[in-house]
PDB file of all heavy atoms in Angstrom:
ATOM      1  N   PHE A   1      -9.988   8.559   5.841  1.00  0.00           N
ATOM      2  CA  PHE A   1     -10.021  10.051   5.963  1.00  0.00           C
ATOM      3  C   PHE A   1     -10.670  10.837   4.884  1.00  0.00           C
ATOM      4  O   PHE A   1     -11.361  11.809   5.124  1.00  0.00           O
ATOM      5  CB  PHE A   1      -8.532  10.453   6.129  1.00  0.00           C
ATOM      6  CG  PHE A   1      -7.808   9.869   7.310  1.00  0.00           C
ATOM      7  CD1 PHE A   1      -6.432   9.788   7.214  1.00  0.00           C
ATOM      8  CD2 PHE A   1      -8.406   9.484   8.528  1.00  0.00           C
ATOM      9  CE1 PHE A   1      -5.742   9.267   8.334  1.00  0.00           C
ATOM     10  CE2 PHE A   1      -7.797   8.964   9.537  1.00  0.00           C
ATOM     11  CZ  PHE A   1      -6.421   8.843   9.466  1.00  0.00           C
ATOM     12  N   GLU A   2     -10.594  10.269   3.677  1.00  0.00           N
ATOM     13  CA  GLU A   2     -11.178  11.007   2.520  1.00  0.00           C
ATOM     14  C   GLU A   2     -12.731  10.792   2.561  1.00  0.00           C
ATOM     15  O   GLU A   2     -13.502  11.683   2.224  1.00  0.00           O
ATOM     16  CB  GLU A   2     -10.586  10.359   1.228  1.00  0.00           C
ATOM     17  CG  GLU A   2      -9.139  10.788   1.008  1.00  0.00           C
ATOM     18  CD  GLU A   2      -8.556  10.110  -0.179  1.00  0.00           C
ATOM     19  OE1 GLU A   2      -9.032   9.119  -0.603  1.00  0.00           O
ATOM     20  OE2 GLU A   2      -7.441  10.427  -0.537  1.00  0.00           O
ATOM     21  N   ILE A   3     -13.165   9.656   2.974  1.00  0.00           N
ATOM     22  CA  ILE A   3     -14.616   9.403   3.002  1.00  0.00           C
ATOM     23  C   ILE A   3     -15.181  10.373   4.193  1.00  0.00           C
ATOM     24  O   ILE A   3     -16.236  10.972   3.865  1.00  0.00           O
ATOM     25  CB  ILE A   3     -14.945   7.990   3.486  1.00  0.00           C
ATOM     26  CG1 ILE A   3     -14.520   7.031   2.359  1.00  0.00           C
ATOM     27  CG2 ILE A   3     -16.390   7.797   3.768  1.00  0.00           C
ATOM     28  CD1 ILE A   3     -14.521   5.496   2.663  1.00  0.00           C
ATOM     29  N   ALA A   4     -14.485  10.538   5.231  1.00  0.00           N
ATOM     30  CA  ALA A   4     -14.942  11.374   6.333  1.00  0.00           C
ATOM     31  C   ALA A   4     -15.045  12.720   5.884  1.00  0.00           C
ATOM     32  O   ALA A   4     -15.980  13.483   6.223  1.00  0.00           O
ATOM     33  CB  ALA A   4     -14.039  11.215   7.491  1.00  0.00           C
ATOM     34  N   ASP A   5     -13.947  13.190   5.173  1.00  0.00           N
ATOM     35  CA  ASP A   5     -14.054  14.579   4.664  1.00  0.00           C
ATOM     36  C   ASP A   5     -15.096  14.814   3.596  1.00  0.00           C
ATOM     37  O   ASP A   5     -15.835  15.770   3.636  1.00  0.00           O
ATOM     38  CB  ASP A   5     -12.569  14.848   4.031  1.00  0.00           C
ATOM     39  CG  ASP A   5     -12.541  16.217   3.596  1.00  0.00           C
ATOM     40  OD1 ASP A   5     -12.572  17.238   4.404  1.00  0.00           O
ATOM     41  OD2 ASP A   5     -12.322  16.502   2.307  1.00  0.00           O
ATOM     42  N   ARG A   6     -15.268  13.797   2.704  1.00  0.00           N
ATOM     43  CA  ARG A   6     -16.252  14.018   1.586  1.00  0.00           C
ATOM     44  C   ARG A   6     -17.658  14.013   2.091  1.00  0.00           C
ATOM     45  O   ARG A   6     -18.498  14.803   1.709  1.00  0.00           O
ATOM     46  CB  ARG A   6     -16.065  12.724   0.623  1.00  0.00           C
ATOM     47  CG  ARG A   6     -16.993  12.815  -0.530  1.00  0.00           C
ATOM     48  CD  ARG A   6     -17.072  11.427  -1.190  1.00  0.00           C
ATOM     49  NE  ARG A   6     -17.708  10.389  -0.329  1.00  0.00           N
ATOM     50  CZ  ARG A   6     -17.481   9.142  -0.502  1.00  0.00           C
ATOM     51  NH1 ARG A   6     -16.796   8.620  -1.492  1.00  0.00           N
ATOM     52  NH2 ARG A   6     -18.166   8.264   0.374  1.00  0.00           N
ATOM     53  N   ASP A   7     -17.935  13.142   3.080  1.00  0.00           N
ATOM     54  CA  ASP A   7     -19.323  13.046   3.637  1.00  0.00           C
ATOM     55  C   ASP A   7     -19.534  13.857   4.801  1.00  0.00           C
ATOM     56  O   ASP A   7     -20.701  13.902   5.374  1.00  0.00           O
ATOM     57  CB  ASP A   7     -19.637  11.531   3.939  1.00  0.00           C
ATOM     58  CG  ASP A   7     -19.545  10.668   2.626  1.00  0.00           C
ATOM     59  OD1 ASP A   7     -19.487  11.253   1.555  1.00  0.00           O
ATOM     60  OD2 ASP A   7     -19.452   9.461   2.726  1.00  0.00           O
ATOM     61  N   GLY A   8     -18.577  14.475   5.353  1.00  0.00           N
ATOM     62  CA  GLY A   8     -18.856  15.289   6.575  1.00  0.00           C
ATOM     63  C   GLY A   8     -19.138  14.458   7.746  1.00  0.00           C
ATOM     64  O   GLY A   8     -20.006  14.880   8.582  1.00  0.00           O
ATOM     65  N   ILE A   9     -18.413  13.374   8.028  1.00  0.00           N
ATOM     66  CA  ILE A   9     -18.640  12.460   9.056  1.00  0.00           C
ATOM     67  C   ILE A   9     -17.436  12.186   9.780  1.00  0.00           C
ATOM     68  O   ILE A   9     -16.309  12.528   9.418  1.00  0.00           O
ATOM     69  CB  ILE A   9     -19.285  11.169   8.624  1.00  0.00           C
ATOM     70  CG1 ILE A   9     -18.427  10.497   7.560  1.00  0.00           C
ATOM     71  CG2 ILE A   9     -20.723  11.365   8.039  1.00  0.00           C
ATOM     72  CD1 ILE A   9     -18.809   9.099   7.097  1.00  0.00           C
ATOM     73  N   SER A  10     -17.513  11.556  11.025  1.00  0.00           N
ATOM     74  CA  SER A  10     -16.336  11.232  11.817  1.00  0.00           C
ATOM     75  C   SER A  10     -15.689  10.021  11.149  1.00  0.00           C
ATOM     76  O   SER A  10     -16.207   9.289  10.469  1.00  0.00           O
ATOM     77  CB  SER A  10     -16.895  10.885  13.237  1.00  0.00           C
ATOM     78  OG  SER A  10     -17.663   9.704  13.160  1.00  0.00           O
ATOM     79  N   THR A  11     -14.482   9.832  11.450  1.00  0.00           N
ATOM     80  CA  THR A  11     -13.593   8.870  10.892  1.00  0.00           C
ATOM     81  C   THR A  11     -14.051   7.448  11.351  1.00  0.00           C
ATOM     82  O   THR A  11     -13.790   6.530  10.629  1.00  0.00           O
ATOM     83  CB  THR A  11     -12.134   8.998  11.159  1.00  0.00           C
ATOM     84  OG1 THR A  11     -11.854   9.151  12.559  1.00  0.00           O
ATOM     85  CG2 THR A  11     -11.616  10.307  10.428  1.00  0.00           C
ATOM     86  N   ASN A  12     -14.570   7.390  12.595  1.00  0.00           N
ATOM     87  CA  ASN A  12     -14.995   6.001  13.039  1.00  0.00           C
ATOM     88  C   ASN A  12     -16.259   5.582  12.268  1.00  0.00           C
ATOM     89  O   ASN A  12     -16.399   4.391  11.905  1.00  0.00           O
ATOM     90  CB  ASN A  12     -15.303   6.023  14.496  1.00  0.00           C
ATOM     91  CG  ASN A  12     -16.133   7.096  15.036  1.00  0.00           C
ATOM     92  OD1 ASN A  12     -16.000   8.300  14.793  1.00  0.00           O
ATOM     93  ND2 ASN A  12     -17.262   6.717  15.729  1.00  0.00           N
ATOM     94  N   VAL A  13     -17.165   6.543  11.898  1.00  0.00           N
ATOM     95  CA  VAL A  13     -18.250   6.195  11.003  1.00  0.00           C
ATOM     96  C   VAL A  13     -17.814   5.868   9.634  1.00  0.00           C
ATOM     97  O   VAL A  13     -18.260   4.957   9.048  1.00  0.00           O
ATOM     98  CB  VAL A  13     -19.282   7.411  11.082  1.00  0.00           C
ATOM     99  CG1 VAL A  13     -20.476   7.113  10.114  1.00  0.00           C
ATOM    100  CG2 VAL A  13     -19.848   7.532  12.495  1.00  0.00           C
ATOM    101  N   ALA A  14     -16.871   6.640   9.181  1.00  0.00           N
ATOM    102  CA  ALA A  14     -16.382   6.366   7.837  1.00  0.00           C
ATOM    103  C   ALA A  14     -15.696   5.071   7.741  1.00  0.00           C
ATOM    104  O   ALA A  14     -15.772   4.313   6.629  1.00  0.00           O
ATOM    105  CB  ALA A  14     -15.267   7.550   7.471  1.00  0.00           C
ATOM    106  N   SER A  15     -14.987   4.604   8.712  1.00  0.00           N
ATOM    107  CA  SER A  15     -14.404   3.299   8.729  1.00  0.00           C
ATOM    108  C   SER A  15     -15.379   2.151   8.722  1.00  0.00           C
ATOM    109  O   SER A  15     -15.205   1.143   7.940  1.00  0.00           O
ATOM    110  CB  SER A  15     -13.377   3.157   9.880  1.00  0.00           C
ATOM    111  OG  SER A  15     -14.125   3.131  11.089  1.00  0.00           O
ATOM    112  N   GLN A  16     -16.511   2.403   9.326  1.00  0.00           N
ATOM    113  CA  GLN A  16     -17.582   1.473   9.386  1.00  0.00           C
ATOM    114  C   GLN A  16     -18.157   1.299   7.949  1.00  0.00           C
ATOM    115  O   GLN A  16     -18.430   0.210   7.566  1.00  0.00           O
ATOM    116  CB  GLN A  16     -18.656   1.755  10.386  1.00  0.00           C
ATOM    117  CG  GLN A  16     -19.763   0.754  10.634  1.00  0.00           C
ATOM    118  CD  GLN A  16     -19.220  -0.446  11.418  1.00  0.00           C
ATOM    119  OE1 GLN A  16     -18.143  -0.393  11.977  1.00  0.00           O
ATOM    120  NE2 GLN A  16     -20.007  -1.493  11.145  1.00  0.00           N
ATOM    121  N   ARG A  17     -18.341   2.482   7.459  1.00  0.00           N
ATOM    122  CA  ARG A  17     -18.944   2.487   5.980  1.00  0.00           C
ATOM    123  C   ARG A  17     -18.008   1.810   4.954  1.00  0.00           C
ATOM    124  O   ARG A  17     -18.501   1.008   4.113  1.00  0.00           O
ATOM    125  CB  ARG A  17     -19.236   3.910   5.558  1.00  0.00           C
ATOM    126  CG  ARG A  17     -20.328   4.541   6.234  1.00  0.00           C
ATOM    127  CD  ARG A  17     -20.678   5.953   5.605  1.00  0.00           C
ATOM    128  NE  ARG A  17     -21.719   6.596   6.355  1.00  0.00           N
ATOM    129  CZ  ARG A  17     -22.213   7.728   5.931  1.00  0.00           C
ATOM    130  NH1 ARG A  17     -21.645   8.449   4.991  1.00  0.00           N
ATOM    131  NH2 ARG A  17     -23.196   8.419   6.769  1.00  0.00           N
ATOM    132  N   LEU A  18     -16.804   1.995   5.141  1.00  0.00           N
ATOM    133  CA  LEU A  18     -15.798   1.423   4.180  1.00  0.00           C
ATOM    134  C   LEU A  18     -15.796  -0.148   4.400  1.00  0.00           C
ATOM    135  O   LEU A  18     -15.807  -0.923   3.439  1.00  0.00           O
ATOM    136  CB  LEU A  18     -14.427   1.896   4.411  1.00  0.00           C
ATOM    137  CG  LEU A  18     -13.310   1.334   3.574  1.00  0.00           C
ATOM    138  CD1 LEU A  18     -13.630   1.592   2.008  1.00  0.00           C
ATOM    139  CD2 LEU A  18     -11.955   1.993   3.873  1.00  0.00           C
ATOM    140  N   ALA A  19     -15.836  -0.597   5.672  1.00  0.00           N
ATOM    141  CA  ALA A  19     -15.910  -1.977   5.928  1.00  0.00           C
ATOM    142  C   ALA A  19     -17.100  -2.599   5.354  1.00  0.00           C
ATOM    143  O   ALA A  19     -17.069  -3.643   4.761  1.00  0.00           O
ATOM    144  CB  ALA A  19     -15.780  -2.232   7.481  1.00  0.00           C
ATOM    145  N   GLU A  20     -18.368  -1.988   5.574  1.00  0.00           N
ATOM    146  CA  GLU A  20     -19.555  -2.480   5.170  1.00  0.00           C
ATOM    147  C   GLU A  20     -19.522  -2.576   3.595  1.00  0.00           C
ATOM    148  O   GLU A  20     -19.983  -3.578   2.961  1.00  0.00           O
ATOM    149  CB  GLU A  20     -20.752  -1.716   5.642  1.00  0.00           C
ATOM    150  CG  GLU A  20     -20.924  -1.760   7.136  1.00  0.00           C
ATOM    151  CD  GLU A  20     -21.898  -0.852   7.722  1.00  0.00           C
ATOM    152  OE1 GLU A  20     -22.341  -0.009   6.963  1.00  0.00           O
ATOM    153  OE2 GLU A  20     -22.299  -0.988   8.991  1.00  0.00           O
ATOM    154  N   GLN A  21     -18.950  -1.510   2.903  1.00  0.00           N
ATOM    155  CA  GLN A  21     -19.018  -1.512   1.474  1.00  0.00           C
ATOM    156  C   GLN A  21     -18.101  -2.635   0.984  1.00  0.00           C
ATOM    157  O   GLN A  21     -18.470  -3.311   0.097  1.00  0.00           O
ATOM    158  CB  GLN A  21     -18.427  -0.218   1.022  1.00  0.00           C
ATOM    159  CG  GLN A  21     -18.301  -0.147  -0.525  1.00  0.00           C
ATOM    160  CD  GLN A  21     -19.760  -0.249  -1.209  1.00  0.00           C
ATOM    161  OE1 GLN A  21     -20.686   0.581  -0.847  1.00  0.00           O
ATOM    162  NE2 GLN A  21     -19.948  -1.202  -2.026  1.00  0.00           N
ATOM    163  N   ARG A  22     -16.956  -2.886   1.609  1.00  0.00           N
ATOM    164  CA  ARG A  22     -15.976  -3.947   1.135  1.00  0.00           C
ATOM    165  C   ARG A  22     -16.650  -5.391   1.386  1.00  0.00           C
ATOM    166  O   ARG A  22     -16.450  -6.281   0.493  1.00  0.00           O
ATOM    167  CB  ARG A  22     -14.762  -3.767   1.812  1.00  0.00           C
ATOM    168  CG  ARG A  22     -13.967  -2.620   1.310  1.00  0.00           C
ATOM    169  CD  ARG A  22     -12.552  -2.508   1.827  1.00  0.00           C
ATOM    170  NE  ARG A  22     -11.805  -1.498   1.122  1.00  0.00           N
ATOM    171  CZ  ARG A  22     -10.511  -1.109   1.438  1.00  0.00           C
ATOM    172  NH1 ARG A  22      -9.951  -1.669   2.492  1.00  0.00           N
ATOM    173  NH2 ARG A  22      -9.965  -0.054   0.787  1.00  0.00           N
ATOM    174  N   LEU A  23     -17.392  -5.472   2.531  1.00  0.00           N
ATOM    175  CA  LEU A  23     -18.073  -6.728   2.684  1.00  0.00           C
ATOM    176  C   LEU A  23     -19.166  -7.089   1.693  1.00  0.00           C
ATOM    177  O   LEU A  23     -19.316  -8.162   1.138  1.00  0.00           O
ATOM    178  CB  LEU A  23     -18.617  -6.774   4.071  1.00  0.00           C
ATOM    179  CG  LEU A  23     -17.649  -6.954   5.247  1.00  0.00           C
ATOM    180  CD1 LEU A  23     -18.431  -6.756   6.623  1.00  0.00           C
ATOM    181  CD2 LEU A  23     -16.988  -8.344   5.207  1.00  0.00           C
ATOM    182  N   ALA A  24     -19.893  -5.934   1.377  1.00  0.00           N
ATOM    183  CA  ALA A  24     -20.942  -6.041   0.367  1.00  0.00           C
ATOM    184  C   ALA A  24     -20.347  -6.348  -1.077  1.00  0.00           C
ATOM    185  O   ALA A  24     -20.828  -7.336  -1.821  1.00  0.00           O
ATOM    186  CB  ALA A  24     -21.755  -4.789   0.215  1.00  0.00           C
ATOM    187  N   ASP A  25     -19.220  -5.744  -1.362  1.00  0.00           N
ATOM    188  CA  ASP A  25     -18.508  -6.001  -2.680  1.00  0.00           C
ATOM    189  C   ASP A  25     -18.082  -7.453  -2.737  1.00  0.00           C
ATOM    190  O   ASP A  25     -18.157  -8.104  -3.765  1.00  0.00           O
ATOM    191  CB  ASP A  25     -17.360  -5.035  -2.826  1.00  0.00           C
ATOM    192  CG  ASP A  25     -17.800  -3.567  -3.068  1.00  0.00           C
ATOM    193  OD1 ASP A  25     -19.003  -3.363  -3.409  1.00  0.00           O
ATOM    194  OD2 ASP A  25     -17.036  -2.672  -3.032  1.00  0.00           O
ATOM    195  N   ALA A  26     -17.547  -7.884  -1.642  1.00  0.00           N
ATOM    196  CA  ALA A  26     -16.978  -9.269  -1.543  1.00  0.00           C
ATOM    197  C   ALA A  26     -18.056 -10.453  -1.806  1.00  0.00           C
ATOM    198  O   ALA A  26     -17.742 -11.483  -2.310  1.00  0.00           O
ATOM    199  CB  ALA A  26     -16.261  -9.512  -0.300  1.00  0.00           C
ATOM    200  N   ARG A  27     -19.381 -10.020  -1.470  1.00  0.00           N
ATOM    201  CA  ARG A  27     -20.431 -10.953  -1.650  1.00  0.00           C
ATOM    202  C   ARG A  27     -20.920 -10.974  -3.140  1.00  0.00           C
ATOM    203  O   ARG A  27     -21.654 -11.798  -3.469  1.00  0.00           O
ATOM    204  CB  ARG A  27     -21.536 -10.620  -0.651  1.00  0.00           C
ATOM    205  CG  ARG A  27     -21.202 -10.758   0.828  1.00  0.00           C
ATOM    206  CD  ARG A  27     -22.414 -10.508   1.680  1.00  0.00           C
ATOM    207  NE  ARG A  27     -22.044 -10.524   3.058  1.00  0.00           N
ATOM    208  CZ  ARG A  27     -21.951  -9.421   3.882  1.00  0.00           C
ATOM    209  NH1 ARG A  27     -22.342  -8.241   3.331  1.00  0.00           N
ATOM    210  NH2 ARG A  27     -21.596  -9.565   5.191  1.00  0.00           N
ATOM    211  N   GLN A  28     -20.483  -9.999  -3.913  1.00  0.00           N
ATOM    212  CA  GLN A  28     -20.899  -9.912  -5.283  1.00  0.00           C
ATOM    213  C   GLN A  28     -20.034 -10.674  -6.124  1.00  0.00           C
ATOM    214  O   GLN A  28     -18.825 -10.697  -6.015  1.00  0.00           O
ATOM    215  CB  GLN A  28     -20.972  -8.456  -5.683  1.00  0.00           C
ATOM    216  CG  GLN A  28     -21.879  -7.561  -4.854  1.00  0.00           C
ATOM    217  CD  GLN A  28     -23.430  -7.982  -4.973  1.00  0.00           C
ATOM    218  OE1 GLN A  28     -23.776  -8.443  -6.076  1.00  0.00           O
ATOM    219  NE2 GLN A  28     -24.059  -7.881  -3.866  1.00  0.00           N
ATOM    220  N   PRO A  29     -20.682 -11.438  -7.093  1.00  0.00           N
ATOM    221  CA  PRO A  29     -19.887 -12.294  -8.105  1.00  0.00           C
ATOM    222  C   PRO A  29     -19.191 -11.402  -9.080  1.00  0.00           C
ATOM    223  O   PRO A  29     -19.592 -11.384 -10.191  1.00  0.00           O
ATOM    224  CB  PRO A  29     -20.903 -13.092  -8.593  1.00  0.00           C
ATOM    225  CG  PRO A  29     -22.162 -12.428  -8.591  1.00  0.00           C
ATOM    226  CD  PRO A  29     -22.035 -11.620  -7.325  1.00  0.00           C
ATOM    227  N   SER A  30     -18.217 -10.521  -8.641  1.00  0.00           N
ATOM    228  CA  SER A  30     -17.644  -9.537  -9.670  1.00  0.00           C
ATOM    229  C   SER A  30     -16.137  -9.766  -9.676  1.00  0.00           C
ATOM    230  O   SER A  30     -15.477 -10.172  -8.686  1.00  0.00           O
ATOM    231  CB  SER A  30     -17.956  -8.131  -9.106  1.00  0.00           C
ATOM    232  OG  SER A  30     -17.165  -7.273  -9.830  1.00  0.00           O
ATOM    233  N   ARG A  31     -15.521  -9.504 -10.829  1.00  0.00           N
ATOM    234  CA  ARG A  31     -14.109  -9.647 -10.927  1.00  0.00           C
ATOM    235  C   ARG A  31     -13.340  -8.310 -10.701  1.00  0.00           C
ATOM    236  O   ARG A  31     -12.078  -8.257 -10.761  1.00  0.00           O
ATOM    237  CB  ARG A  31     -13.769 -10.060 -12.355  1.00  0.00           C
ATOM    238  CG  ARG A  31     -14.292 -11.422 -12.681  1.00  0.00           C
ATOM    239  CD  ARG A  31     -13.967 -11.919 -14.088  1.00  0.00           C
ATOM    240  NE  ARG A  31     -14.373 -13.139 -14.482  1.00  0.00           N
ATOM    241  CZ  ARG A  31     -14.148 -13.702 -15.695  1.00  0.00           C
ATOM    242  NH1 ARG A  31     -13.484 -13.056 -16.645  1.00  0.00           N
ATOM    243  NH2 ARG A  31     -14.700 -14.893 -15.970  1.00  0.00           N
ATOM    244  N   GLU A  32     -14.119  -7.300 -10.376  1.00  0.00           N
ATOM    245  CA  GLU A  32     -13.475  -5.948 -10.171  1.00  0.00           C
ATOM    246  C   GLU A  32     -12.880  -5.724  -8.926  1.00  0.00           C
ATOM    247  O   GLU A  32     -12.083  -4.800  -8.666  1.00  0.00           O
ATOM    248  CB  GLU A  32     -14.575  -4.844 -10.407  1.00  0.00           C
ATOM    249  CG  GLU A  32     -15.146  -4.958 -11.820  1.00  0.00           C
ATOM    250  CD  GLU A  32     -16.244  -3.905 -12.072  1.00  0.00           C
ATOM    251  OE1 GLU A  32     -16.529  -3.131 -11.127  1.00  0.00           O
ATOM    252  OE2 GLU A  32     -16.703  -3.752 -13.155  1.00  0.00           O
ATOM    253  N   GLY A  33     -13.173  -6.517  -7.836  1.00  0.00           N
ATOM    254  CA  GLY A  33     -12.532  -6.447  -6.497  1.00  0.00           C
ATOM    255  C   GLY A  33     -13.289  -5.405  -5.770  1.00  0.00           C
ATOM    256  O   GLY A  33     -14.195  -4.725  -6.152  1.00  0.00           O
ATOM    257  N   PRO A  34     -12.912  -5.214  -4.379  1.00  0.00           N
ATOM    258  CA  PRO A  34     -13.502  -4.330  -3.494  1.00  0.00           C
ATOM    259  C   PRO A  34     -13.387  -2.932  -3.900  1.00  0.00           C
ATOM    260  O   PRO A  34     -12.377  -2.506  -4.478  1.00  0.00           O
ATOM    261  CB  PRO A  34     -12.799  -4.608  -2.273  1.00  0.00           C
ATOM    262  CG  PRO A  34     -11.506  -5.230  -2.566  1.00  0.00           C
ATOM    263  CD  PRO A  34     -11.748  -5.935  -3.822  1.00  0.00           C
ATOM    264  N   SER A  35     -14.415  -2.151  -3.595  1.00  0.00           N
ATOM    265  CA  SER A  35     -14.412  -0.652  -3.877  1.00  0.00           C
ATOM    266  C   SER A  35     -13.495   0.050  -2.891  1.00  0.00           C
ATOM    267  O   SER A  35     -13.396  -0.300  -1.743  1.00  0.00           O
ATOM    268  CB  SER A  35     -15.835  -0.197  -3.657  1.00  0.00           C
ATOM    269  OG  SER A  35     -15.866   1.276  -3.693  1.00  0.00           O
ATOM    270  N   SER A  36     -12.883   1.145  -3.549  1.00  0.00           N
ATOM    271  CA  SER A  36     -12.033   1.941  -2.675  1.00  0.00           C
ATOM    272  C   SER A  36     -12.860   2.899  -1.823  1.00  0.00           C
ATOM    273  O   SER A  36     -12.509   3.584  -0.963  1.00  0.00           O
ATOM    274  CB  SER A  36     -11.063   2.796  -3.400  1.00  0.00           C
ATOM    275  OG  SER A  36     -11.724   3.499  -4.511  1.00  0.00           O
ATOM    276  N   ALA A  37     -14.221   3.015  -2.241  1.00  0.00           N
ATOM    277  CA  ALA A  37     -15.187   3.853  -1.547  1.00  0.00           C
ATOM    278  C   ALA A  37     -14.633   5.220  -1.168  1.00  0.00           C
ATOM    279  O   ALA A  37     -14.680   5.714  -0.064  1.00  0.00           O
ATOM    280  CB  ALA A  37     -15.618   3.149  -0.264  1.00  0.00           C
ATOM    281  N   GLY A  38     -14.328   5.999  -2.209  1.00  0.00           N
ATOM    282  CA  GLY A  38     -13.950   7.392  -1.898  1.00  0.00           C
ATOM    283  C   GLY A  38     -12.461   7.593  -1.906  1.00  0.00           C
ATOM    284  O   GLY A  38     -12.071   8.638  -1.290  1.00  0.00           O
ATOM    285  N   SER A  39     -11.635   6.671  -2.350  1.00  0.00           N
ATOM    286  CA  SER A  39     -10.210   6.952  -2.221  1.00  0.00           C
ATOM    287  C   SER A  39      -9.644   7.965  -3.135  1.00  0.00           C
ATOM    288  O   SER A  39      -8.426   8.304  -2.991  1.00  0.00           O
ATOM    289  CB  SER A  39      -9.492   5.617  -2.446  1.00  0.00           C
ATOM    290  OG  SER A  39      -9.776   5.153  -3.694  1.00  0.00           O
ATOM    291  N   THR A  40     -10.403   8.615  -3.881  1.00  0.00           N
ATOM    292  CA  THR A  40      -9.857   9.584  -4.832  1.00  0.00           C
ATOM    293  C   THR A  40     -10.298  11.037  -4.352  1.00  0.00           C
ATOM    294  O   THR A  40     -10.006  12.004  -5.050  1.00  0.00           O
ATOM    295  CB  THR A  40     -10.356   9.364  -6.246  1.00  0.00           C
ATOM    296  OG1 THR A  40     -11.834   9.379  -6.354  1.00  0.00           O
ATOM    297  CG2 THR A  40      -9.830   7.999  -6.747  1.00  0.00           C
ATOM    298  N   THR A  41     -11.039  11.161  -3.362  1.00  0.00           N
ATOM    299  CA  THR A  41     -11.398  12.529  -2.867  1.00  0.00           C
ATOM    300  C   THR A  41     -10.280  13.171  -2.189  1.00  0.00           C
ATOM    301  O   THR A  41      -9.276  12.621  -1.866  1.00  0.00           O
ATOM    302  CB  THR A  41     -12.535  12.405  -1.809  1.00  0.00           C
ATOM    303  OG1 THR A  41     -12.274  11.532  -0.823  1.00  0.00           O
ATOM    304  CG2 THR A  41     -13.847  11.929  -2.552  1.00  0.00           C
TER     305      THR A  41
END
């Protein structure tokens, strides 16, 4: 909901963006874990 509000997009598009971001993060050799992608807006 926060991504949708921040970017001015529908929630179904926002959910797709969040899923894609988390998949991308999971493929990276990082210890920081998946991104919240806008969870503080």
